[in-house]
PDB file of all heavy atoms in Angstrom:
ATOM      1  N   GLN A   1     187.299 150.381 156.230  1.00  0.00           N
ATOM      2  CA  GLN A   1     186.888 149.053 156.537  1.00  0.00           C
ATOM      3  C   GLN A   1     187.466 148.063 155.562  1.00  0.00           C
ATOM      4  O   GLN A   1     187.922 146.961 155.923  1.00  0.00           O
ATOM      5  CB  GLN A   1     185.357 148.962 156.529  1.00  0.00           C
ATOM      6  CG  GLN A   1     184.801 147.613 156.866  1.00  0.00           C
ATOM      7  CD  GLN A   1     183.275 147.462 156.686  1.00  0.00           C
ATOM      8  OE1 GLN A   1     182.724 146.460 156.219  1.00  0.00           O
ATOM      9  NE2 GLN A   1     182.520 148.506 157.036  1.00  0.00           N
ATOM     10  N   ASN A   2     187.427 148.436 154.240  1.00  0.00           N
ATOM     11  CA  ASN A   2     187.982 147.575 153.174  1.00  0.00           C
ATOM     12  C   ASN A   2     189.446 147.374 153.302  1.00  0.00           C
ATOM     13  O   ASN A   2     189.953 146.248 153.145  1.00  0.00           O
ATOM     14  CB  ASN A   2     187.588 148.114 151.859  1.00  0.00           C
ATOM     15  CG  ASN A   2     186.117 147.999 151.493  1.00  0.00           C
ATOM     16  OD1 ASN A   2     185.484 147.141 152.020  1.00  0.00           O
ATOM     17  ND2 ASN A   2     185.598 148.869 150.596  1.00  0.00           N
ATOM     18  N   ASP A   3     190.168 148.410 153.668  1.00  0.00           N
ATOM     19  CA  ASP A   3     191.606 148.376 153.831  1.00  0.00           C
ATOM     20  C   ASP A   3     191.960 147.410 154.974  1.00  0.00           C
ATOM     21  O   ASP A   3     192.947 146.647 154.891  1.00  0.00           O
ATOM     22  CB  ASP A   3     192.193 149.774 154.044  1.00  0.00           C
ATOM     23  CG  ASP A   3     192.356 150.572 152.800  1.00  0.00           C
ATOM     24  OD1 ASP A   3     192.364 150.003 151.719  1.00  0.00           O
ATOM     25  OD2 ASP A   3     192.312 151.750 152.839  1.00  0.00           O
ATOM     26  N   ILE A   4     191.196 147.553 156.037  1.00  0.00           N
ATOM     27  CA  ILE A   4     191.467 146.661 157.240  1.00  0.00           C
ATOM     28  C   ILE A   4     191.211 145.175 156.830  1.00  0.00           C
ATOM     29  O   ILE A   4     192.066 144.289 157.177  1.00  0.00           O
ATOM     30  CB  ILE A   4     190.597 147.023 158.408  1.00  0.00           C
ATOM     31  CG1 ILE A   4     191.028 148.415 158.945  1.00  0.00           C
ATOM     32  CG2 ILE A   4     190.664 146.032 159.539  1.00  0.00           C
ATOM     33  CD1 ILE A   4     190.061 148.982 160.027  1.00  0.00           C
ATOM     34  N   LEU A   5     190.163 144.911 156.135  1.00  0.00           N
ATOM     35  CA  LEU A   5     189.829 143.567 155.659  1.00  0.00           C
ATOM     36  C   LEU A   5     190.945 143.062 154.726  1.00  0.00           C
ATOM     37  O   LEU A   5     191.384 141.839 154.807  1.00  0.00           O
ATOM     38  CB  LEU A   5     188.504 143.469 155.054  1.00  0.00           C
ATOM     39  CG  LEU A   5     187.265 143.623 155.959  1.00  0.00           C
ATOM     40  CD1 LEU A   5     185.969 143.814 155.192  1.00  0.00           C
ATOM     41  CD2 LEU A   5     187.183 142.394 156.871  1.00  0.00           C
ATOM     42  N   ASP A   6     191.373 143.890 153.803  1.00  0.00           N
ATOM     43  CA  ASP A   6     192.403 143.532 152.851  1.00  0.00           C
ATOM     44  C   ASP A   6     193.684 143.188 153.571  1.00  0.00           C
ATOM     45  O   ASP A   6     194.377 142.175 153.194  1.00  0.00           O
ATOM     46  CB  ASP A   6     192.617 144.650 151.847  1.00  0.00           C
ATOM     47  CG  ASP A   6     191.555 144.798 150.820  1.00  0.00           C
ATOM     48  OD1 ASP A   6     190.706 143.909 150.728  1.00  0.00           O
ATOM     49  OD2 ASP A   6     191.534 145.795 150.087  1.00  0.00           O
ATOM     50  N   LEU A   7     194.005 143.972 154.604  1.00  0.00           N
ATOM     51  CA  LEU A   7     195.290 143.749 155.315  1.00  0.00           C
ATOM     52  C   LEU A   7     195.307 142.411 155.968  1.00  0.00           C
ATOM     53  O   LEU A   7     196.211 141.597 155.793  1.00  0.00           O
ATOM     54  CB  LEU A   7     195.433 144.851 156.346  1.00  0.00           C
ATOM     55  CG  LEU A   7     196.587 144.612 157.330  1.00  0.00           C
ATOM     56  CD1 LEU A   7     197.931 144.738 156.607  1.00  0.00           C
ATOM     57  CD2 LEU A   7     196.512 145.613 158.545  1.00  0.00           C
ATOM     58  N   TYR A   8     194.160 142.041 156.716  1.00  0.00           N
ATOM     59  CA  TYR A   8     194.166 140.890 157.520  1.00  0.00           C
ATOM     60  C   TYR A   8     193.729 139.610 156.746  1.00  0.00           C
ATOM     61  O   TYR A   8     194.010 138.504 157.189  1.00  0.00           O
ATOM     62  CB  TYR A   8     193.286 141.034 158.747  1.00  0.00           C
ATOM     63  CG  TYR A   8     193.961 141.889 159.829  1.00  0.00           C
ATOM     64  CD1 TYR A   8     193.564 143.243 159.907  1.00  0.00           C
ATOM     65  CD2 TYR A   8     194.907 141.381 160.576  1.00  0.00           C
ATOM     66  CE1 TYR A   8     194.112 144.065 160.900  1.00  0.00           C
ATOM     67  CE2 TYR A   8     195.530 142.236 161.592  1.00  0.00           C
ATOM     68  CZ  TYR A   8     195.200 143.532 161.700  1.00  0.00           C
ATOM     69  OH  TYR A   8     195.778 144.369 162.622  1.00  0.00           O
ATOM     70  N   GLN A   9     193.086 139.813 155.652  1.00  0.00           N
ATOM     71  CA  GLN A   9     192.589 138.696 154.869  1.00  0.00           C
ATOM     72  C   GLN A   9     193.434 138.418 153.550  1.00  0.00           C
ATOM     73  O   GLN A   9     193.330 137.328 152.989  1.00  0.00           O
ATOM     74  CB  GLN A   9     191.113 138.856 154.572  1.00  0.00           C
ATOM     75  CG  GLN A   9     190.244 138.798 155.738  1.00  0.00           C
ATOM     76  CD  GLN A   9     188.828 138.934 155.478  1.00  0.00           C
ATOM     77  OE1 GLN A   9     188.409 139.225 154.325  1.00  0.00           O
ATOM     78  NE2 GLN A   9     187.953 138.786 156.444  1.00  0.00           N
ATOM     79  N   GLU A  10     194.236 139.373 153.135  1.00  0.00           N
ATOM     80  CA  GLU A  10     195.023 139.238 151.993  1.00  0.00           C
ATOM     81  C   GLU A  10     196.469 139.540 152.159  1.00  0.00           C
ATOM     82  O   GLU A  10     197.277 138.577 151.952  1.00  0.00           O
ATOM     83  CB  GLU A  10     194.494 140.112 150.807  1.00  0.00           C
ATOM     84  CG  GLU A  10     193.085 139.859 150.352  1.00  0.00           C
ATOM     85  CD  GLU A  10     192.555 140.732 149.259  1.00  0.00           C
ATOM     86  OE1 GLU A  10     193.349 141.404 148.596  1.00  0.00           O
ATOM     87  OE2 GLU A  10     191.349 140.784 149.064  1.00  0.00           O
ATOM     88  N   ASN A  11     196.839 140.685 152.607  1.00  0.00           N
ATOM     89  CA  ASN A  11     198.262 141.087 152.699  1.00  0.00           C
ATOM     90  C   ASN A  11     198.997 140.212 153.682  1.00  0.00           C
ATOM     91  O   ASN A  11     200.077 139.593 153.356  1.00  0.00           O
ATOM     92  CB  ASN A  11     198.424 142.565 153.091  1.00  0.00           C
ATOM     93  CG  ASN A  11     197.864 143.480 152.045  1.00  0.00           C
ATOM     94  OD1 ASN A  11     196.759 143.966 152.164  1.00  0.00           O
ATOM     95  ND2 ASN A  11     198.680 143.874 151.077  1.00  0.00           N
ATOM     96  N   ILE A  12     198.523 140.163 154.902  1.00  0.00           N
ATOM     97  CA  ILE A  12     199.250 139.396 155.968  1.00  0.00           C
ATOM     98  C   ILE A  12     199.298 137.893 155.680  1.00  0.00           C
ATOM     99  O   ILE A  12     200.374 137.203 155.686  1.00  0.00           O
ATOM    100  CB  ILE A  12     198.628 139.683 157.335  1.00  0.00           C
ATOM    101  CG1 ILE A  12     199.010 141.055 157.781  1.00  0.00           C
ATOM    102  CG2 ILE A  12     199.209 138.687 158.372  1.00  0.00           C
ATOM    103  CD1 ILE A  12     198.393 141.563 159.123  1.00  0.00           C
ATOM    104  N   PRO A  13     198.147 137.259 155.249  1.00  0.00           N
ATOM    105  CA  PRO A  13     198.280 135.848 154.809  1.00  0.00           C
ATOM    106  C   PRO A  13     199.215 135.585 153.715  1.00  0.00           C
ATOM    107  O   PRO A  13     199.865 134.529 153.735  1.00  0.00           O
ATOM    108  CB  PRO A  13     196.834 135.488 154.466  1.00  0.00           C
ATOM    109  CG  PRO A  13     195.974 136.425 155.274  1.00  0.00           C
ATOM    110  CD  PRO A  13     196.717 137.753 155.245  1.00  0.00           C
ATOM    111  N   SER A  14     199.259 136.422 152.689  1.00  0.00           N
ATOM    112  CA  SER A  14     200.198 136.267 151.597  1.00  0.00           C
ATOM    113  C   SER A  14     201.657 136.286 152.101  1.00  0.00           C
ATOM    114  O   SER A  14     202.508 135.542 151.754  1.00  0.00           O
ATOM    115  CB  SER A  14     199.975 137.354 150.550  1.00  0.00           C
ATOM    116  OG  SER A  14     198.725 137.107 149.893  1.00  0.00           O
ATOM    117  N   LEU A  15     201.879 137.305 152.983  1.00  0.00           N
ATOM    118  CA  LEU A  15     203.208 137.500 153.503  1.00  0.00           C
ATOM    119  C   LEU A  15     203.580 136.224 154.399  1.00  0.00           C
ATOM    120  O   LEU A  15     204.748 135.667 154.216  1.00  0.00           O
ATOM    121  CB  LEU A  15     203.265 138.687 154.418  1.00  0.00           C
ATOM    122  CG  LEU A  15     204.591 138.965 155.192  1.00  0.00           C
ATOM    123  CD1 LEU A  15     205.764 139.026 154.334  1.00  0.00           C
ATOM    124  CD2 LEU A  15     204.443 140.193 156.051  1.00  0.00           C
ATOM    125  N   LEU A  16     202.728 135.750 155.225  1.00  0.00           N
ATOM    126  CA  LEU A  16     202.993 134.600 156.099  1.00  0.00           C
ATOM    127  C   LEU A  16     203.209 133.331 155.251  1.00  0.00           C
ATOM    128  O   LEU A  16     203.968 132.484 155.597  1.00  0.00           O
ATOM    129  CB  LEU A  16     201.828 134.411 157.060  1.00  0.00           C
ATOM    130  CG  LEU A  16     201.667 135.503 158.110  1.00  0.00           C
ATOM    131  CD1 LEU A  16     200.500 135.175 159.058  1.00  0.00           C
ATOM    132  CD2 LEU A  16     202.944 135.682 158.925  1.00  0.00           C
ATOM    133  N   SER A  17     202.492 133.267 154.105  1.00  0.00           N
ATOM    134  CA  SER A  17     202.686 132.084 153.251  1.00  0.00           C
ATOM    135  C   SER A  17     204.087 132.088 152.619  1.00  0.00           C
ATOM    136  O   SER A  17     204.696 131.060 152.567  1.00  0.00           O
ATOM    137  CB  SER A  17     201.622 132.076 152.142  1.00  0.00           C
ATOM    138  OG  SER A  17     201.796 131.060 151.205  1.00  0.00           O
ATOM    139  N   SER A  18     204.507 133.280 152.215  1.00  0.00           N
ATOM    140  CA  SER A  18     205.856 133.365 151.544  1.00  0.00           C
ATOM    141  C   SER A  18     206.931 133.035 152.602  1.00  0.00           C
ATOM    142  O   SER A  18     207.949 132.284 152.320  1.00  0.00           O
ATOM    143  CB  SER A  18     206.069 134.726 151.035  1.00  0.00           C
ATOM    144  OG  SER A  18     205.233 135.023 149.930  1.00  0.00           O
ATOM    145  N   THR A  19     206.821 133.613 153.786  1.00  0.00           N
ATOM    146  CA  THR A  19     207.866 133.386 154.820  1.00  0.00           C
ATOM    147  C   THR A  19     207.812 131.964 155.270  1.00  0.00           C
ATOM    148  O   THR A  19     208.906 131.383 155.576  1.00  0.00           O
ATOM    149  CB  THR A  19     207.704 134.314 156.015  1.00  0.00           C
ATOM    150  OG1 THR A  19     206.330 134.215 156.559  1.00  0.00           O
ATOM    151  CG2 THR A  19     207.940 135.754 155.628  1.00  0.00           C
ATOM    152  N   SER A  20     206.651 131.370 155.333  1.00  0.00           N
ATOM    153  CA  SER A  20     206.547 129.932 155.754  1.00  0.00           C
ATOM    154  C   SER A  20     207.267 129.016 154.727  1.00  0.00           C
ATOM    155  O   SER A  20     207.972 128.092 155.124  1.00  0.00           O
ATOM    156  CB  SER A  20     205.120 129.571 155.927  1.00  0.00           C
ATOM    157  OG  SER A  20     204.969 128.143 156.230  1.00  0.00           O
ATOM    158  N   ASN A  21     206.985 129.267 153.447  1.00  0.00           N
ATOM    159  CA  ASN A  21     207.662 128.512 152.418  1.00  0.00           C
ATOM    160  C   ASN A  21     209.183 128.650 152.463  1.00  0.00           C
ATOM    161  O   ASN A  21     209.923 127.693 152.281  1.00  0.00           O
ATOM    162  CB  ASN A  21     207.172 128.870 151.010  1.00  0.00           C
ATOM    163  CG  ASN A  21     205.707 128.507 150.721  1.00  0.00           C
ATOM    164  OD1 ASN A  21     205.272 127.557 151.394  1.00  0.00           O
ATOM    165  ND2 ASN A  21     205.072 129.216 149.922  1.00  0.00           N
ATOM    166  N   TYR A  22     209.645 129.907 152.743  1.00  0.00           N
ATOM    167  CA  TYR A  22     211.082 130.086 152.827  1.00  0.00           C
ATOM    168  C   TYR A  22     211.704 129.396 154.003  1.00  0.00           C
ATOM    169  O   TYR A  22     212.713 128.753 153.909  1.00  0.00           O
ATOM    170  CB  TYR A  22     211.372 131.617 152.951  1.00  0.00           C
ATOM    171  CG  TYR A  22     212.775 132.031 152.922  1.00  0.00           C
ATOM    172  CD1 TYR A  22     213.434 132.231 151.636  1.00  0.00           C
ATOM    173  CD2 TYR A  22     213.591 132.130 154.039  1.00  0.00           C
ATOM    174  CE1 TYR A  22     214.834 132.529 151.606  1.00  0.00           C
ATOM    175  CE2 TYR A  22     214.905 132.432 153.993  1.00  0.00           C
ATOM    176  CZ  TYR A  22     215.553 132.685 152.729  1.00  0.00           C
ATOM    177  OH  TYR A  22     216.897 132.979 152.667  1.00  0.00           O
ATOM    178  N   ILE A  23     211.022 129.409 155.150  1.00  0.00           N
ATOM    179  CA  ILE A  23     211.476 128.733 156.352  1.00  0.00           C
ATOM    180  C   ILE A  23     211.545 127.256 156.068  1.00  0.00           C
ATOM    181  O   ILE A  23     212.448 126.524 156.578  1.00  0.00           O
ATOM    182  CB  ILE A  23     210.663 129.099 157.532  1.00  0.00           C
ATOM    183  CG1 ILE A  23     210.889 130.561 157.912  1.00  0.00           C
ATOM    184  CG2 ILE A  23     210.940 128.186 158.761  1.00  0.00           C
ATOM    185  CD1 ILE A  23     209.919 131.107 159.005  1.00  0.00           C
ATOM    186  N   ASP A  24     210.520 126.698 155.341  1.00  0.00           N
ATOM    187  CA  ASP A  24     210.509 125.251 155.037  1.00  0.00           C
ATOM    188  C   ASP A  24     211.844 124.934 154.210  1.00  0.00           C
ATOM    189  O   ASP A  24     212.491 123.916 154.452  1.00  0.00           O
ATOM    190  CB  ASP A  24     209.345 124.909 154.239  1.00  0.00           C
ATOM    191  CG  ASP A  24     208.062 124.879 155.064  1.00  0.00           C
ATOM    192  OD1 ASP A  24     208.190 124.814 156.321  1.00  0.00           O
ATOM    193  OD2 ASP A  24     206.982 124.882 154.470  1.00  0.00           O
ATOM    194  N   ARG A  25     212.205 125.788 153.285  1.00  0.00           N
ATOM    195  CA  ARG A  25     213.381 125.548 152.469  1.00  0.00           C
ATOM    196  C   ARG A  25     214.636 125.645 153.319  1.00  0.00           C
ATOM    197  O   ARG A  25     215.618 124.881 153.168  1.00  0.00           O
ATOM    198  CB  ARG A  25     213.454 126.506 151.250  1.00  0.00           C
ATOM    199  CG  ARG A  25     212.269 126.348 150.292  1.00  0.00           C
ATOM    200  CD  ARG A  25     212.675 127.033 148.954  1.00  0.00           C
ATOM    201  NE  ARG A  25     213.003 128.390 149.022  1.00  0.00           N
ATOM    202  CZ  ARG A  25     212.109 129.422 148.970  1.00  0.00           C
ATOM    203  NH1 ARG A  25     210.788 129.167 148.907  1.00  0.00           N
ATOM    204  NH2 ARG A  25     212.545 130.656 149.036  1.00  0.00           N
ATOM    205  N   LYS A  26     214.635 126.634 154.253  1.00  0.00           N
ATOM    206  CA  LYS A  26     215.742 126.799 155.090  1.00  0.00           C
ATOM    207  C   LYS A  26     215.953 125.629 156.077  1.00  0.00           C
ATOM    208  O   LYS A  26     217.092 125.242 156.452  1.00  0.00           O
ATOM    209  CB  LYS A  26     215.622 128.106 155.848  1.00  0.00           C
ATOM    210  CG  LYS A  26     216.946 128.672 156.321  1.00  0.00           C
ATOM    211  CD  LYS A  26     216.925 130.103 156.639  1.00  0.00           C
ATOM    212  CE  LYS A  26     218.344 130.656 156.892  1.00  0.00           C
ATOM    213  NZ  LYS A  26     218.310 132.085 157.296  1.00  0.00           N
ATOM    214  N   ASN A  27     214.851 124.989 156.501  1.00  0.00           N
ATOM    215  CA  ASN A  27     214.959 123.843 157.353  1.00  0.00           C
ATOM    216  C   ASN A  27     215.648 122.691 156.615  1.00  0.00           C
ATOM    217  O   ASN A  27     216.329 121.914 157.240  1.00  0.00           O
ATOM    218  CB  ASN A  27     213.554 123.461 157.803  1.00  0.00           C
ATOM    219  CG  ASN A  27     213.024 124.313 158.907  1.00  0.00           C
ATOM    220  OD1 ASN A  27     213.812 124.896 159.715  1.00  0.00           O
ATOM    221  ND2 ASN A  27     211.683 124.442 159.068  1.00  0.00           N
ATOM    222  N   ILE A  28     215.495 122.569 155.364  1.00  0.00           N
ATOM    223  CA  ILE A  28     216.275 121.600 154.598  1.00  0.00           C
ATOM    224  C   ILE A  28     217.716 121.924 154.649  1.00  0.00           C
ATOM    225  O   ILE A  28     218.605 120.950 154.780  1.00  0.00           O
ATOM    226  CB  ILE A  28     215.745 121.630 153.140  1.00  0.00           C
ATOM    227  CG1 ILE A  28     214.262 121.164 152.990  1.00  0.00           C
ATOM    228  CG2 ILE A  28     216.647 120.707 152.216  1.00  0.00           C
ATOM    229  CD1 ILE A  28     213.717 121.314 151.576  1.00  0.00           C
ATOM    230  N   PHE A  29     218.049 123.152 154.571  1.00  0.00           N
ATOM    231  CA  PHE A  29     219.458 123.602 154.712  1.00  0.00           C
ATOM    232  C   PHE A  29     220.003 123.262 156.076  1.00  0.00           C
ATOM    233  O   PHE A  29     221.091 122.734 156.228  1.00  0.00           O
ATOM    234  CB  PHE A  29     219.513 125.127 154.447  1.00  0.00           C
ATOM    235  CG  PHE A  29     220.884 125.709 154.604  1.00  0.00           C
ATOM    236  CD1 PHE A  29     221.896 125.509 153.631  1.00  0.00           C
ATOM    237  CD2 PHE A  29     221.200 126.474 155.711  1.00  0.00           C
ATOM    238  CE1 PHE A  29     223.142 126.090 153.818  1.00  0.00           C
ATOM    239  CE2 PHE A  29     222.461 127.082 155.808  1.00  0.00           C
ATOM    240  CZ  PHE A  29     223.418 126.815 154.855  1.00  0.00           C
ATOM    241  N   PHE A  30     219.171 123.566 157.126  1.00  0.00           N
ATOM    242  CA  PHE A  30     219.617 123.201 158.468  1.00  0.00           C
ATOM    243  C   PHE A  30     219.845 121.701 158.694  1.00  0.00           C
ATOM    244  O   PHE A  30     220.845 121.300 159.424  1.00  0.00           O
ATOM    245  CB  PHE A  30     218.571 123.629 159.532  1.00  0.00           C
ATOM    246  CG  PHE A  30     218.430 125.156 159.574  1.00  0.00           C
ATOM    247  CD1 PHE A  30     217.251 125.711 160.028  1.00  0.00           C
ATOM    248  CD2 PHE A  30     219.490 125.996 159.331  1.00  0.00           C
ATOM    249  CE1 PHE A  30     217.063 127.104 160.093  1.00  0.00           C
ATOM    250  CE2 PHE A  30     219.302 127.340 159.402  1.00  0.00           C
ATOM    251  CZ  PHE A  30     218.184 127.931 159.846  1.00  0.00           C
ATOM    252  N   GLN A  31     218.980 120.942 158.089  1.00  0.00           N
ATOM    253  CA  GLN A  31     219.128 119.471 158.206  1.00  0.00           C
ATOM    254  C   GLN A  31     220.411 118.998 157.519  1.00  0.00           C
ATOM    255  O   GLN A  31     221.108 118.071 158.014  1.00  0.00           O
ATOM    256  CB  GLN A  31     217.883 118.772 157.589  1.00  0.00           C
ATOM    257  CG  GLN A  31     216.573 118.917 158.336  1.00  0.00           C
ATOM    258  CD  GLN A  31     215.356 118.491 157.505  1.00  0.00           C
ATOM    259  OE1 GLN A  31     215.507 117.824 156.503  1.00  0.00           O
ATOM    260  NE2 GLN A  31     214.199 118.871 157.972  1.00  0.00           N
ATOM    261  N   TYR A  32     220.708 119.583 156.403  1.00  0.00           N
ATOM    262  CA  TYR A  32     221.923 119.239 155.723  1.00  0.00           C
ATOM    263  C   TYR A  32     223.147 119.647 156.598  1.00  0.00           C
ATOM    264  O   TYR A  32     224.051 118.885 156.677  1.00  0.00           O
ATOM    265  CB  TYR A  32     222.065 119.957 154.385  1.00  0.00           C
ATOM    266  CG  TYR A  32     223.433 119.758 153.670  1.00  0.00           C
ATOM    267  CD1 TYR A  32     223.719 118.457 153.184  1.00  0.00           C
ATOM    268  CD2 TYR A  32     224.304 120.734 153.578  1.00  0.00           C
ATOM    269  CE1 TYR A  32     224.906 118.269 152.529  1.00  0.00           C
ATOM    270  CE2 TYR A  32     225.516 120.558 152.924  1.00  0.00           C
ATOM    271  CZ  TYR A  32     225.813 119.295 152.446  1.00  0.00           C
ATOM    272  OH  TYR A  32     227.041 119.031 151.793  1.00  0.00           O
ATOM    273  N   LEU A  33     223.099 120.772 157.206  1.00  0.00           N
ATOM    274  CA  LEU A  33     224.286 121.216 158.046  1.00  0.00           C
ATOM    275  C   LEU A  33     224.334 120.248 159.231  1.00  0.00           C
ATOM    276  O   LEU A  33     225.511 119.860 159.581  1.00  0.00           O
ATOM    277  CB  LEU A  33     224.003 122.640 158.558  1.00  0.00           C
ATOM    278  CG  LEU A  33     224.083 123.808 157.510  1.00  0.00           C
ATOM    279  CD1 LEU A  33     223.993 125.137 158.235  1.00  0.00           C
ATOM    280  CD2 LEU A  33     225.282 123.718 156.694  1.00  0.00           C
ATOM    281  N   GLN A  34     223.273 119.883 159.773  1.00  0.00           N
ATOM    282  CA  GLN A  34     223.302 118.962 160.954  1.00  0.00           C
ATOM    283  C   GLN A  34     223.932 117.672 160.604  1.00  0.00           C
ATOM    284  O   GLN A  34     224.643 117.091 161.438  1.00  0.00           O
ATOM    285  CB  GLN A  34     221.886 118.756 161.470  1.00  0.00           C
ATOM    286  CG  GLN A  34     221.750 118.172 162.804  1.00  0.00           C
ATOM    287  CD  GLN A  34     220.351 118.093 163.345  1.00  0.00           C
ATOM    288  OE1 GLN A  34     219.371 118.047 162.573  1.00  0.00           O
ATOM    289  NE2 GLN A  34     220.178 118.178 164.651  1.00  0.00           N
ATOM    290  N   LYS A  35     223.721 117.208 159.415  1.00  0.00           N
ATOM    291  CA  LYS A  35     224.244 115.878 159.005  1.00  0.00           C
ATOM    292  C   LYS A  35     225.771 116.005 158.662  1.00  0.00           C
ATOM    293  O   LYS A  35     226.508 115.013 158.805  1.00  0.00           O
ATOM    294  CB  LYS A  35     223.567 115.335 157.757  1.00  0.00           C
ATOM    295  CG  LYS A  35     222.190 114.842 157.990  1.00  0.00           C
ATOM    296  CD  LYS A  35     221.628 114.240 156.731  1.00  0.00           C
ATOM    297  CE  LYS A  35     221.612 115.119 155.548  1.00  0.00           C
ATOM    298  NZ  LYS A  35     221.035 114.400 154.363  1.00  0.00           N
ATOM    299  N   THR A  36     226.217 117.153 158.221  1.00  0.00           N
ATOM    300  CA  THR A  36     227.583 117.232 157.641  1.00  0.00           C
ATOM    301  C   THR A  36     228.658 118.015 158.504  1.00  0.00           C
ATOM    302  O   THR A  36     229.800 117.844 158.364  1.00  0.00           O
ATOM    303  CB  THR A  36     227.550 117.871 156.295  1.00  0.00           C
ATOM    304  OG1 THR A  36     226.866 119.151 156.381  1.00  0.00           O
ATOM    305  CG2 THR A  36     226.814 116.973 155.269  1.00  0.00           C
ATOM    306  N   ILE A  37     228.122 118.904 159.374  1.00  0.00           N
ATOM    307  CA  ILE A  37     229.124 119.610 160.206  1.00  0.00           C
ATOM    308  C   ILE A  37     229.615 118.749 161.355  1.00  0.00           C
ATOM    309  O   ILE A  37     228.909 118.143 162.017  1.00  0.00           O
ATOM    310  CB  ILE A  37     228.471 120.917 160.723  1.00  0.00           C
ATOM    311  CG1 ILE A  37     228.170 121.914 159.616  1.00  0.00           C
ATOM    312  CG2 ILE A  37     229.297 121.572 161.789  1.00  0.00           C
ATOM    313  CD1 ILE A  37     227.535 123.186 160.020  1.00  0.00           C
ATOM    314  N   HIS A  38     230.930 118.933 161.539  1.00  0.00           N
ATOM    315  CA  HIS A  38     231.556 118.201 162.733  1.00  0.00           C
ATOM    316  C   HIS A  38     232.719 119.095 163.189  1.00  0.00           C
ATOM    317  O   HIS A  38     233.226 119.946 162.456  1.00  0.00           O
ATOM    318  CB  HIS A  38     232.057 116.790 162.356  1.00  0.00           C
ATOM    319  CG  HIS A  38     233.043 116.809 161.246  1.00  0.00           C
ATOM    320  ND1 HIS A  38     232.752 116.607 159.910  1.00  0.00           N
ATOM    321  CD2 HIS A  38     234.391 116.933 161.254  1.00  0.00           C
ATOM    322  CE1 HIS A  38     233.826 116.627 159.140  1.00  0.00           C
ATOM    323  NE2 HIS A  38     234.801 116.874 159.959  1.00  0.00           N
ATOM    324  N   ARG A  39     233.085 118.840 164.412  1.00  0.00           N
ATOM    325  CA  ARG A  39     234.177 119.585 165.002  1.00  0.00           C
ATOM    326  C   ARG A  39     235.543 119.207 164.434  1.00  0.00           C
ATOM    327  O   ARG A  39     235.734 117.969 164.236  1.00  0.00           O
ATOM    328  CB  ARG A  39     234.196 119.430 166.519  1.00  0.00           C
ATOM    329  CG  ARG A  39     233.035 120.180 167.242  1.00  0.00           C
ATOM    330  CD  ARG A  39     233.262 120.147 168.749  1.00  0.00           C
ATOM    331  NE  ARG A  39     233.316 118.716 169.269  1.00  0.00           N
ATOM    332  CZ  ARG A  39     233.775 118.368 170.438  1.00  0.00           C
ATOM    333  NH1 ARG A  39     234.151 119.280 171.266  1.00  0.00           N
ATOM    334  NH2 ARG A  39     233.755 117.081 170.816  1.00  0.00           N
ATOM    335  N   ILE A  40     236.387 120.218 164.287  1.00  0.00           N
ATOM    336  CA  ILE A  40     237.729 119.929 163.885  1.00  0.00           C
ATOM    337  C   ILE A  40     238.636 120.004 165.138  1.00  0.00           C
ATOM    338  O   ILE A  40     239.443 119.134 165.400  1.00  0.00           O
ATOM    339  CB  ILE A  40     238.225 120.939 162.861  1.00  0.00           C
ATOM    340  CG1 ILE A  40     237.434 120.813 161.580  1.00  0.00           C
ATOM    341  CG2 ILE A  40     239.768 120.777 162.517  1.00  0.00           C
ATOM    342  CD1 ILE A  40     237.708 121.832 160.494  1.00  0.00           C
ATOM    343  N   THR A  41     238.349 121.082 165.926  1.00  0.00           N
ATOM    344  CA  THR A  41     239.035 121.200 167.200  1.00  0.00           C
ATOM    345  C   THR A  41     237.954 121.641 168.229  1.00  0.00           C
ATOM    346  O   THR A  41     236.764 121.749 167.817  1.00  0.00           O
ATOM    347  CB  THR A  41     240.116 122.305 167.187  1.00  0.00           C
ATOM    348  OG1 THR A  41     239.520 123.625 166.992  1.00  0.00           O
ATOM    349  CG2 THR A  41     241.175 122.096 166.052  1.00  0.00           C
ATOM    350  N   ASP A  42     238.355 121.919 169.451  1.00  0.00           N
ATOM    351  CA  ASP A  42     237.376 122.334 170.411  1.00  0.00           C
ATOM    352  C   ASP A  42     236.700 123.636 170.026  1.00  0.00           C
ATOM    353  O   ASP A  42     235.581 123.919 170.484  1.00  0.00           O
ATOM    354  CB  ASP A  42     237.975 122.439 171.807  1.00  0.00           C
ATOM    355  CG  ASP A  42     238.374 121.072 172.446  1.00  0.00           C
ATOM    356  OD1 ASP A  42     237.803 120.015 171.891  1.00  0.00           O
ATOM    357  OD2 ASP A  42     239.183 121.057 173.318  1.00  0.00           O
ATOM    358  N   SER A  43     237.336 124.449 169.270  1.00  0.00           N
ATOM    359  CA  SER A  43     236.863 125.796 168.955  1.00  0.00           C
ATOM    360  C   SER A  43     236.446 126.054 167.464  1.00  0.00           C
ATOM    361  O   SER A  43     235.947 127.048 167.129  1.00  0.00           O
ATOM    362  CB  SER A  43     237.755 126.886 169.390  1.00  0.00           C
ATOM    363  OG  SER A  43     239.055 126.672 168.728  1.00  0.00           O
TER     364      SER A  43
END
């Protein structure tokens, strides 16, 4: 019972918090690419 509670109330929330923060930082990277990338040729 304790392990199940720890998993869903501690382990998974901590993991999701870390990945969410990383994705937020990556979205900054995506925004930069969107502003600066342009086509040189059709391909």
